[in-house]
Amino acid sequence: MKELLVLPLLMPLGLALVVGLLNLTTPSRLKFLLWSSPPLSLGSWVMLGAGGGAALSAALSATASLPAKRKPKPKAETWQAPAPKAAPSQQWPERDPQEPAPTVSVPFRVVNSKAEQQPDWDQASDADW
């Protein structure tokens, strides 16, 4: 089944090579910024581009399919209890277990109250937008 998959994948390359063979008589130059290429036929440029792209694609696919060199996993280490830490220099105040949790006071203000909100879309609005 995989052998049949090669045919549709290589058809664009074959088509580009056929187009290149049909255009071997028209000379042209490629210009890129300040560089200009030597005059070659248009068909040669098409075949060079298609063949170069196919070669680059094949090389990248081949390197991607190679098995990666992986570092061996380290042997499983046994778990060791952490060493006791030195006592902190600052002692935190202790609370009675029955004392309620401390609260935090955060200042806030109401930006939009429900009375100031615009009516829904299905209701008529008298406000000027």
N, C-alpha and C. Protein backbone atom coordinates (compact mmCIF):
# COMPACT_ATOMS: atom_id res chain seq x y z
N MET A 1 0.82 -1.19 0.00
CA MET A 1 0.00 0.00 0.00
C MET A 1 0.86 1.26 0.00
N LYS A 2 1.98 1.23 0.74
CA LYS A 2 2.85 2.40 0.79
C LYS A 2 3.51 2.67 -0.56
N GLU A 3 3.67 1.63 -1.38
CA GLU A 3 4.29 1.82 -2.68
C GLU A 3 3.39 2.66 -3.58
N LEU A 4 2.07 2.53 -3.42
CA LEU A 4 1.14 3.32 -4.23
C LEU A 4 1.11 4.78 -3.79
N LEU A 5 1.49 5.06 -2.57
CA LEU A 5 1.51 6.42 -2.07
C LEU A 5 2.62 7.25 -2.70
N VAL A 6 3.66 6.60 -3.18
CA VAL A 6 4.79 7.30 -3.79
C VAL A 6 4.37 7.98 -5.09
N LEU A 7 3.47 7.37 -5.84
CA LEU A 7 3.07 7.93 -7.14
C LEU A 7 2.44 9.32 -7.03
N PRO A 8 1.42 9.54 -6.20
CA PRO A 8 0.87 10.90 -6.13
C PRO A 8 1.83 11.90 -5.50
N LEU A 9 2.74 11.42 -4.67
CA LEU A 9 3.68 12.35 -4.05
C LEU A 9 4.77 12.80 -5.02
N LEU A 10 5.12 11.95 -5.98
CA LEU A 10 6.16 12.31 -6.95
C LEU A 10 5.59 12.94 -8.21
N MET A 11 4.27 12.99 -8.36
CA MET A 11 3.68 13.58 -9.56
C MET A 11 4.01 15.05 -9.74
N PRO A 12 4.01 15.90 -8.69
CA PRO A 12 4.39 17.30 -8.91
C PRO A 12 5.84 17.44 -9.40
N LEU A 13 6.74 16.61 -8.91
CA LEU A 13 8.12 16.66 -9.38
C LEU A 13 8.18 16.24 -10.85
N GLY A 14 7.48 15.19 -11.21
CA GLY A 14 7.47 14.75 -12.61
C GLY A 14 6.87 15.81 -13.52
N LEU A 15 5.80 16.46 -13.07
CA LEU A 15 5.17 17.52 -13.86
C LEU A 15 6.12 18.70 -14.05
N ALA A 16 6.85 19.08 -12.98
CA ALA A 16 7.81 20.18 -13.10
C ALA A 16 8.94 19.80 -14.05
N LEU A 17 9.39 18.57 -14.04
CA LEU A 17 10.44 18.15 -14.95
C LEU A 17 9.96 18.15 -16.40
N VAL A 18 8.70 17.75 -16.64
CA VAL A 18 8.14 17.77 -17.99
C VAL A 18 8.03 19.21 -18.50
N VAL A 19 7.54 20.12 -17.63
CA VAL A 19 7.44 21.54 -18.01
C VAL A 19 8.83 22.09 -18.29
N GLY A 20 9.81 21.69 -17.49
CA GLY A 20 11.18 22.14 -17.73
C GLY A 20 11.73 21.64 -19.05
N LEU A 21 11.43 20.40 -19.40
CA LEU A 21 11.91 19.86 -20.67
C LEU A 21 11.27 20.54 -21.87
N LEU A 22 10.04 21.01 -21.70
CA LEU A 22 9.36 21.70 -22.81
C LEU A 22 9.86 23.13 -23.00
N ASN A 23 10.57 23.69 -22.03
CA ASN A 23 11.02 25.08 -22.10
C ASN A 23 12.53 25.19 -22.10
N LEU A 24 13.20 24.33 -22.78
CA LEU A 24 14.66 24.36 -22.80
C LEU A 24 15.23 25.39 -23.78
N THR A 25 14.42 26.00 -24.61
CA THR A 25 14.95 26.92 -25.62
C THR A 25 14.88 28.38 -25.21
N THR A 26 14.13 28.73 -24.20
CA THR A 26 13.96 30.13 -23.81
C THR A 26 15.03 30.52 -22.78
N PRO A 27 16.04 31.34 -23.15
CA PRO A 27 17.04 31.73 -22.15
C PRO A 27 16.49 32.82 -21.22
N SER A 28 16.92 32.78 -19.96
CA SER A 28 16.49 33.79 -18.99
C SER A 28 17.53 33.91 -17.90
N ARG A 29 17.47 35.04 -17.19
CA ARG A 29 18.36 35.30 -16.05
C ARG A 29 17.51 35.56 -14.82
N LEU A 30 17.99 35.12 -13.71
CA LEU A 30 17.33 35.42 -12.44
C LEU A 30 18.04 36.59 -11.79
N LYS A 31 17.28 37.53 -11.24
CA LYS A 31 17.87 38.67 -10.54
C LYS A 31 17.31 38.69 -9.13
N PHE A 32 18.21 38.82 -8.19
CA PHE A 32 17.83 38.91 -6.78
C PHE A 32 18.63 40.02 -6.15
N LEU A 33 17.98 41.12 -5.80
CA LEU A 33 18.63 42.34 -5.30
C LEU A 33 19.70 42.77 -6.29
N LEU A 34 20.97 42.69 -5.92
CA LEU A 34 22.05 43.12 -6.82
C LEU A 34 22.66 41.97 -7.60
N TRP A 35 22.30 40.76 -7.28
CA TRP A 35 22.89 39.59 -7.92
C TRP A 35 22.06 39.18 -9.12
N SER A 36 22.73 38.84 -10.19
CA SER A 36 22.03 38.28 -11.35
C SER A 36 22.73 36.99 -11.76
N SER A 37 21.94 36.02 -12.15
CA SER A 37 22.48 34.70 -12.46
C SER A 37 23.00 34.66 -13.90
N PRO A 38 23.79 33.66 -14.22
CA PRO A 38 24.20 33.50 -15.61
C PRO A 38 22.98 33.08 -16.44
N PRO A 39 22.97 33.39 -17.73
CA PRO A 39 21.80 33.03 -18.54
C PRO A 39 21.69 31.52 -18.73
N LEU A 40 20.56 30.98 -18.34
CA LEU A 40 20.22 29.57 -18.53
C LEU A 40 18.83 29.52 -19.12
N SER A 41 18.48 28.39 -19.68
CA SER A 41 17.13 28.28 -20.22
C SER A 41 16.12 28.21 -19.07
N LEU A 42 14.91 28.64 -19.37
CA LEU A 42 13.85 28.65 -18.36
C LEU A 42 13.58 27.24 -17.85
N GLY A 43 13.65 26.27 -18.73
CA GLY A 43 13.44 24.88 -18.34
C GLY A 43 14.50 24.39 -17.37
N SER A 44 15.74 24.84 -17.56
CA SER A 44 16.81 24.46 -16.63
C SER A 44 16.54 25.00 -15.24
N TRP A 45 16.09 26.26 -15.17
CA TRP A 45 15.79 26.85 -13.87
C TRP A 45 14.64 26.10 -13.18
N VAL A 46 13.63 25.73 -13.95
CA VAL A 46 12.49 25.00 -13.37
C VAL A 46 12.95 23.64 -12.87
N MET A 47 13.76 22.94 -13.67
CA MET A 47 14.23 21.62 -13.24
C MET A 47 15.19 21.72 -12.06
N LEU A 48 16.05 22.76 -12.05
CA LEU A 48 16.94 22.94 -10.88
C LEU A 48 16.14 23.22 -9.61
N GLY A 49 15.13 24.06 -9.72
CA GLY A 49 14.31 24.37 -8.55
C GLY A 49 13.54 23.17 -8.04
N ALA A 50 12.93 22.44 -8.96
CA ALA A 50 12.14 21.26 -8.55
C ALA A 50 13.04 20.17 -8.00
N GLY A 51 14.16 19.92 -8.68
CA GLY A 51 15.08 18.89 -8.20
C GLY A 51 15.73 19.27 -6.89
N GLY A 52 16.11 20.54 -6.76
CA GLY A 52 16.71 20.99 -5.49
C GLY A 52 15.73 20.91 -4.34
N GLY A 53 14.47 21.29 -4.59
CA GLY A 53 13.45 21.20 -3.54
C GLY A 53 13.18 19.76 -3.15
N ALA A 54 13.14 18.87 -4.15
CA ALA A 54 12.92 17.46 -3.85
C ALA A 54 14.09 16.87 -3.07
N ALA A 55 15.30 17.25 -3.45
CA ALA A 55 16.48 16.75 -2.74
C ALA A 55 16.52 17.26 -1.30
N LEU A 56 16.22 18.54 -1.11
CA LEU A 56 16.21 19.11 0.23
C LEU A 56 15.12 18.45 1.09
N SER A 57 13.96 18.24 0.52
CA SER A 57 12.88 17.59 1.25
C SER A 57 13.25 16.15 1.62
N ALA A 58 13.87 15.44 0.68
CA ALA A 58 14.27 14.06 0.97
C ALA A 58 15.34 14.01 2.07
N ALA A 59 16.28 14.97 2.02
CA ALA A 59 17.33 14.99 3.04
C ALA A 59 16.76 15.30 4.42
N LEU A 60 15.86 16.26 4.49
CA LEU A 60 15.26 16.60 5.79
C LEU A 60 14.38 15.47 6.31
N SER A 61 13.67 14.80 5.42
CA SER A 61 12.85 13.66 5.85
C SER A 61 13.72 12.51 6.34
N ALA A 62 14.84 12.30 5.66
CA ALA A 62 15.73 11.20 6.07
C ALA A 62 16.34 11.49 7.43
N THR A 63 16.75 12.74 7.68
CA THR A 63 17.34 13.06 8.98
C THR A 63 16.28 13.02 10.09
N ALA A 64 15.05 13.35 9.76
CA ALA A 64 14.00 13.31 10.78
C ALA A 64 13.63 11.88 11.14
N SER A 65 13.81 10.96 10.22
CA SER A 65 13.43 9.57 10.51
C SER A 65 14.54 8.78 11.19
N LEU A 66 15.74 9.36 11.28
CA LEU A 66 16.83 8.68 11.98
C LEU A 66 16.53 8.61 13.46
N PRO A 67 16.92 7.54 14.12
CA PRO A 67 16.69 7.48 15.58
C PRO A 67 17.57 8.51 16.28
N ALA A 68 16.99 9.20 17.22
CA ALA A 68 17.72 10.23 17.95
C ALA A 68 18.64 9.58 18.97
N LYS A 69 19.81 10.17 19.14
CA LYS A 69 20.73 9.68 20.16
C LYS A 69 20.27 10.25 21.49
N ARG A 70 19.79 9.38 22.31
CA ARG A 70 19.27 9.81 23.61
C ARG A 70 20.24 9.42 24.70
N LYS A 71 20.27 10.25 25.70
CA LYS A 71 21.10 9.94 26.85
C LYS A 71 20.42 8.85 27.66
N PRO A 72 21.19 7.91 28.17
CA PRO A 72 20.55 6.85 28.98
C PRO A 72 19.98 7.45 30.26
N LYS A 73 18.85 6.91 30.65
CA LYS A 73 18.21 7.40 31.86
C LYS A 73 19.06 7.01 33.07
N PRO A 74 19.17 7.90 34.04
CA PRO A 74 19.92 7.53 35.24
C PRO A 74 19.17 6.44 36.01
N LYS A 75 19.93 5.68 36.73
CA LYS A 75 19.32 4.62 37.53
C LYS A 75 18.41 5.23 38.58
N ALA A 76 17.40 4.47 38.92
CA ALA A 76 16.45 4.96 39.91
C ALA A 76 17.16 5.16 41.25
N GLU A 77 17.01 6.33 41.78
CA GLU A 77 17.64 6.62 43.06
C GLU A 77 16.63 6.37 44.18
N THR A 78 17.14 5.95 45.31
CA THR A 78 16.26 5.74 46.45
C THR A 78 15.96 7.08 47.10
N TRP A 79 14.77 7.19 47.63
CA TRP A 79 14.36 8.44 48.24
C TRP A 79 15.01 8.57 49.60
N GLN A 80 15.52 9.76 49.86
CA GLN A 80 16.12 10.03 51.16
C GLN A 80 15.39 11.21 51.77
N ALA A 81 15.17 11.13 53.04
CA ALA A 81 14.51 12.22 53.74
C ALA A 81 15.40 13.45 53.70
N PRO A 82 14.82 14.63 53.51
CA PRO A 82 15.64 15.83 53.49
C PRO A 82 16.26 16.09 54.85
N ALA A 83 17.42 16.69 54.82
CA ALA A 83 18.12 17.02 56.06
C ALA A 83 17.32 18.09 56.81
N PRO A 84 17.29 18.01 58.12
CA PRO A 84 16.54 19.03 58.86
C PRO A 84 17.15 20.41 58.64
N LYS A 85 16.25 21.37 58.46
CA LYS A 85 16.72 22.73 58.21
C LYS A 85 17.05 23.40 59.53
N ALA A 86 17.91 24.37 59.43
CA ALA A 86 18.27 25.14 60.62
C ALA A 86 17.06 25.96 61.06
N ALA A 87 16.94 26.18 62.31
CA ALA A 87 15.82 26.95 62.84
C ALA A 87 15.89 28.38 62.31
N PRO A 88 14.76 28.93 61.88
CA PRO A 88 14.79 30.31 61.39
C PRO A 88 15.13 31.28 62.51
N SER A 89 15.73 32.37 62.11
CA SER A 89 16.14 33.34 63.11
C SER A 89 14.95 34.12 63.64
N GLN A 90 13.87 34.19 62.88
CA GLN A 90 12.70 34.94 63.32
C GLN A 90 11.60 33.95 63.71
N GLN A 91 11.09 34.08 64.90
CA GLN A 91 10.01 33.23 65.36
C GLN A 91 8.68 33.91 65.03
N TRP A 92 7.77 33.18 64.40
CA TRP A 92 6.46 33.73 64.06
C TRP A 92 5.56 33.62 65.28
N PRO A 93 4.67 34.58 65.44
CA PRO A 93 3.77 34.51 66.60
C PRO A 93 2.80 33.35 66.46
N GLU A 94 2.53 32.72 67.56
CA GLU A 94 1.61 31.59 67.54
C GLU A 94 0.22 32.07 67.89
N ARG A 95 -0.79 31.40 67.32
CA ARG A 95 -2.18 31.75 67.59
C ARG A 95 -2.86 30.59 68.30
N ASP A 96 -3.88 30.93 68.99
CA ASP A 96 -4.69 29.91 69.64
C ASP A 96 -5.44 29.14 68.56
N PRO A 97 -5.50 27.80 68.61
CA PRO A 97 -6.19 27.04 67.57
C PRO A 97 -7.68 27.39 67.43
N GLN A 98 -8.30 27.89 68.49
CA GLN A 98 -9.71 28.21 68.42
C GLN A 98 -9.96 29.64 67.98
N GLU A 99 -8.92 30.40 67.79
CA GLU A 99 -9.05 31.78 67.33
C GLU A 99 -9.47 31.78 65.85
N PRO A 100 -10.39 32.66 65.44
CA PRO A 100 -10.81 32.66 64.03
C PRO A 100 -9.65 33.07 63.11
N ALA A 101 -9.78 32.67 61.85
CA ALA A 101 -8.73 32.99 60.87
C ALA A 101 -8.64 34.50 60.69
N PRO A 102 -7.47 35.00 60.41
CA PRO A 102 -7.32 36.44 60.24
C PRO A 102 -8.04 36.89 58.96
N THR A 103 -8.53 38.09 58.96
CA THR A 103 -9.20 38.65 57.78
C THR A 103 -8.34 39.73 57.18
N VAL A 104 -8.54 39.95 55.91
CA VAL A 104 -7.78 40.97 55.20
C VAL A 104 -8.77 42.03 54.76
N SER A 105 -8.46 43.27 55.02
CA SER A 105 -9.32 44.36 54.62
C SER A 105 -8.80 44.93 53.31
N VAL A 106 -9.64 44.90 52.28
CA VAL A 106 -9.25 45.41 50.97
C VAL A 106 -10.19 46.54 50.60
N PRO A 107 -9.66 47.73 50.33
CA PRO A 107 -10.55 48.82 49.93
C PRO A 107 -11.05 48.58 48.50
N PHE A 108 -12.32 48.90 48.25
CA PHE A 108 -12.89 48.74 46.91
C PHE A 108 -13.95 49.80 46.71
N ARG A 109 -14.35 49.96 45.46
CA ARG A 109 -15.45 50.85 45.15
C ARG A 109 -16.29 50.20 44.06
N VAL A 110 -17.57 50.55 44.01
CA VAL A 110 -18.49 49.99 43.03
C VAL A 110 -18.40 50.82 41.77
N VAL A 111 -18.09 50.19 40.65
CA VAL A 111 -17.95 50.91 39.39
C VAL A 111 -19.31 51.06 38.73
N ASN A 112 -20.08 50.00 38.64
CA ASN A 112 -21.41 50.03 38.05
C ASN A 112 -22.37 49.32 38.99
N SER A 113 -23.34 50.02 39.45
CA SER A 113 -24.36 49.34 40.25
C SER A 113 -25.44 48.85 39.31
N LYS A 114 -26.28 47.97 39.77
CA LYS A 114 -27.32 47.40 38.90
C LYS A 114 -28.31 48.47 38.45
N ALA A 115 -28.51 49.50 39.23
CA ALA A 115 -29.45 50.55 38.85
C ALA A 115 -28.91 51.38 37.68
N GLU A 116 -27.61 51.49 37.54
CA GLU A 116 -27.01 52.31 36.49
C GLU A 116 -26.77 51.55 35.20
N GLN A 117 -26.95 50.24 35.18
CA GLN A 117 -26.66 49.45 33.98
C GLN A 117 -27.63 49.77 32.86
N GLN A 118 -27.16 49.60 31.62
CA GLN A 118 -27.99 49.83 30.45
C GLN A 118 -29.03 48.71 30.34
N PRO A 119 -30.18 49.00 29.75
CA PRO A 119 -31.17 47.94 29.58
C PRO A 119 -30.68 46.90 28.57
N ASP A 120 -31.32 45.76 28.59
CA ASP A 120 -30.95 44.70 27.66
C ASP A 120 -31.29 45.10 26.24
N TRP A 121 -30.83 44.33 25.27
CA TRP A 121 -31.02 44.65 23.85
C TRP A 121 -32.48 44.57 23.44
N ASP A 122 -33.25 43.74 24.10
CA ASP A 122 -34.63 43.59 23.68
C ASP A 122 -35.52 44.68 24.28
N GLN A 123 -34.97 45.50 25.15
CA GLN A 123 -35.75 46.58 25.75
C GLN A 123 -35.38 47.91 25.08
N ALA A 124 -36.32 48.82 25.07
CA ALA A 124 -36.06 50.13 24.46
C ALA A 124 -35.14 50.95 25.35
N SER A 125 -34.25 51.70 24.72
CA SER A 125 -33.30 52.51 25.48
C SER A 125 -33.51 53.98 25.11
N ASP A 126 -33.68 54.85 26.14
CA ASP A 126 -33.86 56.26 25.92
C ASP A 126 -32.55 57.02 25.98
N ALA A 127 -31.47 56.35 26.35
CA ALA A 127 -30.18 57.02 26.52
C ALA A 127 -29.58 57.33 25.15
N ASP A 128 -28.90 58.48 25.06
CA ASP A 128 -28.18 58.84 23.83
C ASP A 128 -26.81 58.18 23.86
N TRP A 129 -26.46 57.53 22.77
CA TRP A 129 -25.16 56.90 22.69
C TRP A 129 -24.26 57.88 22.02
